[in-house]
């Protein structure tokens, strides 16, 4: 079964953040490379800095356009690589509010 989730990232003080009251997050920052991935992913979306719909899952789903591959743990979070973007980024421990353990895609 595929559990698809949605967040609405937006820019706050020049950084990508997201809110999710359901898991107790407010202006949670997206940093260390993932912010650069988002910049690339939304470059053709008008006004994306005001918010855009980010649909994600531990497994591929119809219509997905970016896949992240797990690389290694660090500082409570995990490093992922996007083959399409040829970029690496770190997802913080907030990831565990959405997944039991870290999703691994190979």
C-alpha atoms as a PDB file:
ATOM      1  CA  UNK A   1       0.000   0.000   0.000  1.00  0.00           C
ATOM      2  CA  UNK A   2       1.227   3.479  -0.876  1.00  0.00           C
ATOM      3  CA  UNK A   3       0.843   6.169   1.792  1.00  0.00           C
ATOM      4  CA  UNK A   4       0.927   9.507  -0.037  1.00  0.00           C
ATOM      5  CA  UNK A   5       1.401  12.663   2.033  1.00  0.00           C
ATOM      6  CA  UNK A   6       1.273  16.371   1.165  1.00  0.00           C
ATOM      7  CA  UNK A   7       3.147  19.376   2.550  1.00  0.00           C
ATOM      8  CA  UNK A   8       3.017  23.009   1.441  1.00  0.00           C
ATOM      9  CA  UNK A   9       6.578  24.405   1.626  1.00  0.00           C
ATOM     10  CA  UNK A  10       7.048  28.183   1.326  1.00  0.00           C
ATOM     11  CA  UNK A  11       9.838  30.692   1.796  1.00  0.00           C
ATOM     12  CA  UNK A  12      10.154  32.491   5.128  1.00  0.00           C
ATOM     13  CA  UNK A  13      13.013  34.957   5.623  1.00  0.00           C
ATOM     14  CA  UNK A  14      14.672  33.551   2.495  1.00  0.00           C
ATOM     15  CA  UNK A  15      14.567  29.892   3.572  1.00  0.00           C
ATOM     16  CA  UNK A  16      12.243  27.046   2.612  1.00  0.00           C
ATOM     17  CA  UNK A  17      10.051  26.001   5.556  1.00  0.00           C
ATOM     18  CA  UNK A  18       6.831  24.064   6.081  1.00  0.00           C
ATOM     19  CA  UNK A  19       4.088  23.808   8.671  1.00  0.00           C
ATOM     20  CA  UNK A  20       2.253  20.690   9.724  1.00  0.00           C
ATOM     21  CA  UNK A  21       0.079  21.151  12.789  1.00  0.00           C
ATOM     22  CA  UNK A  22      -0.840  17.451  12.710  1.00  0.00           C
ATOM     23  CA  UNK A  23       2.715  16.544  13.767  1.00  0.00           C
ATOM     24  CA  UNK A  24       3.554  19.723  15.712  1.00  0.00           C
ATOM     25  CA  UNK A  25       5.761  21.492  13.159  1.00  0.00           C
ATOM     26  CA  UNK A  26       5.701  25.226  12.437  1.00  0.00           C
ATOM     27  CA  UNK A  27       8.162  26.905  10.071  1.00  0.00           C
ATOM     28  CA  UNK A  28      10.320  23.789  10.116  1.00  0.00           C
ATOM     29  CA  UNK A  29      13.338  24.650   7.933  1.00  0.00           C
ATOM     30  CA  UNK A  30      14.414  22.654   4.902  1.00  0.00           C
ATOM     31  CA  UNK A  31      18.207  22.905   4.759  1.00  0.00           C
ATOM     32  CA  UNK A  32      21.534  21.362   3.750  1.00  0.00           C
ATOM     33  CA  UNK A  33      20.987  20.690   0.068  1.00  0.00           C
ATOM     34  CA  UNK A  34      17.296  19.833   0.138  1.00  0.00           C
ATOM     35  CA  UNK A  35      16.611  23.585  -0.109  1.00  0.00           C
ATOM     36  CA  UNK A  36      18.675  23.670  -3.317  1.00  0.00           C
ATOM     37  CA  UNK A  37      16.735  20.685  -4.667  1.00  0.00           C
ATOM     38  CA  UNK A  38      13.475  22.517  -3.994  1.00  0.00           C
ATOM     39  CA  UNK A  39      14.817  25.592  -5.811  1.00  0.00           C
ATOM     40  CA  UNK A  40      15.471  23.409  -8.867  1.00  0.00           C
ATOM     41  CA  UNK A  41      12.146  21.567  -8.642  1.00  0.00           C
ATOM     42  CA  UNK A  42      10.043  24.752  -8.514  1.00  0.00           C
ATOM     43  CA  UNK A  43      12.002  27.001 -10.866  1.00  0.00           C
ATOM     44  CA  UNK A  44       9.146  26.922 -13.408  1.00  0.00           C
ATOM     45  CA  UNK A  45       6.308  27.280 -10.882  1.00  0.00           C
ATOM     46  CA  UNK A  46       5.154  30.916 -10.645  1.00  0.00           C
ATOM     47  CA  UNK A  47       5.184  32.297  -7.087  1.00  0.00           C
ATOM     48  CA  UNK A  48       6.341  28.969  -5.601  1.00  0.00           C
ATOM     49  CA  UNK A  49       7.992  30.905  -2.777  1.00  0.00           C
ATOM     50  CA  UNK A  50       4.468  31.674  -1.515  1.00  0.00           C
ATOM     51  CA  UNK A  51       3.754  27.943  -1.236  1.00  0.00           C
ATOM     52  CA  UNK A  52       3.452  24.918  -3.466  1.00  0.00           C
ATOM     53  CA  UNK A  53       2.077  21.407  -3.057  1.00  0.00           C
ATOM     54  CA  UNK A  54       4.775  18.807  -2.345  1.00  0.00           C
ATOM     55  CA  UNK A  55       3.404  15.279  -2.631  1.00  0.00           C
ATOM     56  CA  UNK A  56       5.657  12.551  -1.234  1.00  0.00           C
ATOM     57  CA  UNK A  57       5.734   8.901  -0.259  1.00  0.00           C
ATOM     58  CA  UNK A  58       8.183   6.200   0.795  1.00  0.00           C
ATOM     59  CA  UNK A  59       7.520   4.460  -2.525  1.00  0.00           C
ATOM     60  CA  UNK A  60       7.154   5.662  -6.098  1.00  0.00           C
ATOM     61  CA  UNK A  61       3.657   6.655  -7.197  1.00  0.00           C
ATOM     62  CA  UNK A  62       2.066   7.551 -10.524  1.00  0.00           C
ATOM     63  CA  UNK A  63       3.105  11.041 -11.533  1.00  0.00           C
ATOM     64  CA  UNK A  64       6.164  11.345  -9.295  1.00  0.00           C
ATOM     65  CA  UNK A  65       9.002  13.301 -10.863  1.00  0.00           C
ATOM     66  CA  UNK A  66      11.824  13.203  -8.300  1.00  0.00           C
ATOM     67  CA  UNK A  67      13.189  10.132  -6.539  1.00  0.00           C
ATOM     68  CA  UNK A  68      15.544  10.346  -3.576  1.00  0.00           C
ATOM     69  CA  UNK A  69      17.948   7.522  -2.786  1.00  0.00           C
ATOM     70  CA  UNK A  70      19.079   7.009   0.793  1.00  0.00           C
ATOM     71  CA  UNK A  71      22.829   7.345   1.284  1.00  0.00           C
ATOM     72  CA  UNK A  72      23.721   7.450   4.983  1.00  0.00           C
ATOM     73  CA  UNK A  73      22.604   8.623   8.440  1.00  0.00           C
ATOM     74  CA  UNK A  74      24.101  11.688  10.105  1.00  0.00           C
ATOM     75  CA  UNK A  75      23.245  13.869  13.106  1.00  0.00           C
ATOM     76  CA  UNK A  76      19.856  12.236  13.654  1.00  0.00           C
ATOM     77  CA  UNK A  77      18.796  12.757  10.038  1.00  0.00           C
ATOM     78  CA  UNK A  78      19.647  11.109   6.737  1.00  0.00           C
ATOM     79  CA  UNK A  79      21.432  12.043   3.515  1.00  0.00           C
ATOM     80  CA  UNK A  80      19.629  11.430   0.223  1.00  0.00           C
ATOM     81  CA  UNK A  81      20.676  11.745  -3.422  1.00  0.00           C
ATOM     82  CA  UNK A  82      18.521  12.741  -6.386  1.00  0.00           C
ATOM     83  CA  UNK A  83      19.769  11.081  -9.589  1.00  0.00           C
ATOM     84  CA  UNK A  84      17.595  13.397 -11.707  1.00  0.00           C
ATOM     85  CA  UNK A  85      18.935  16.583 -10.111  1.00  0.00           C
ATOM     86  CA  UNK A  86      22.395  15.125  -9.431  1.00  0.00           C
ATOM     87  CA  UNK A  87      22.235  16.666  -5.959  1.00  0.00           C
ATOM     88  CA  UNK A  88      22.566  15.411  -2.400  1.00  0.00           C
ATOM     89  CA  UNK A  89      20.743  16.750   0.628  1.00  0.00           C
ATOM     90  CA  UNK A  90      20.075  16.033   4.286  1.00  0.00           C
ATOM     91  CA  UNK A  91      16.586  15.432   5.684  1.00  0.00           C
ATOM     92  CA  UNK A  92      16.335  16.282   9.376  1.00  0.00           C
ATOM     93  CA  UNK A  93      14.814  14.088  12.107  1.00  0.00           C
ATOM     94  CA  UNK A  94      11.372  15.582  11.312  1.00  0.00           C
ATOM     95  CA  UNK A  95      11.344  12.862   8.634  1.00  0.00           C
ATOM     96  CA  UNK A  96      10.474  10.388  11.414  1.00  0.00           C
ATOM     97  CA  UNK A  97       7.174  12.205  11.972  1.00  0.00           C
ATOM     98  CA  UNK A  98       6.143  10.810   8.587  1.00  0.00           C
ATOM     99  CA  UNK A  99       7.964   7.476   8.347  1.00  0.00           C
ATOM    100  CA  UNK A 100       8.925   4.654  10.713  1.00  0.00           C
ATOM    101  CA  UNK A 101      12.652   4.584  10.126  1.00  0.00           C
ATOM    102  CA  UNK A 102      13.974   6.172   6.975  1.00  0.00           C
ATOM    103  CA  UNK A 103      12.639   5.315   3.540  1.00  0.00           C
ATOM    104  CA  UNK A 104      15.222   3.610   1.357  1.00  0.00           C
ATOM    105  CA  UNK A 105      15.047   3.744  -2.418  1.00  0.00           C
ATOM    106  CA  UNK A 106      17.677   2.004  -4.530  1.00  0.00           C
END
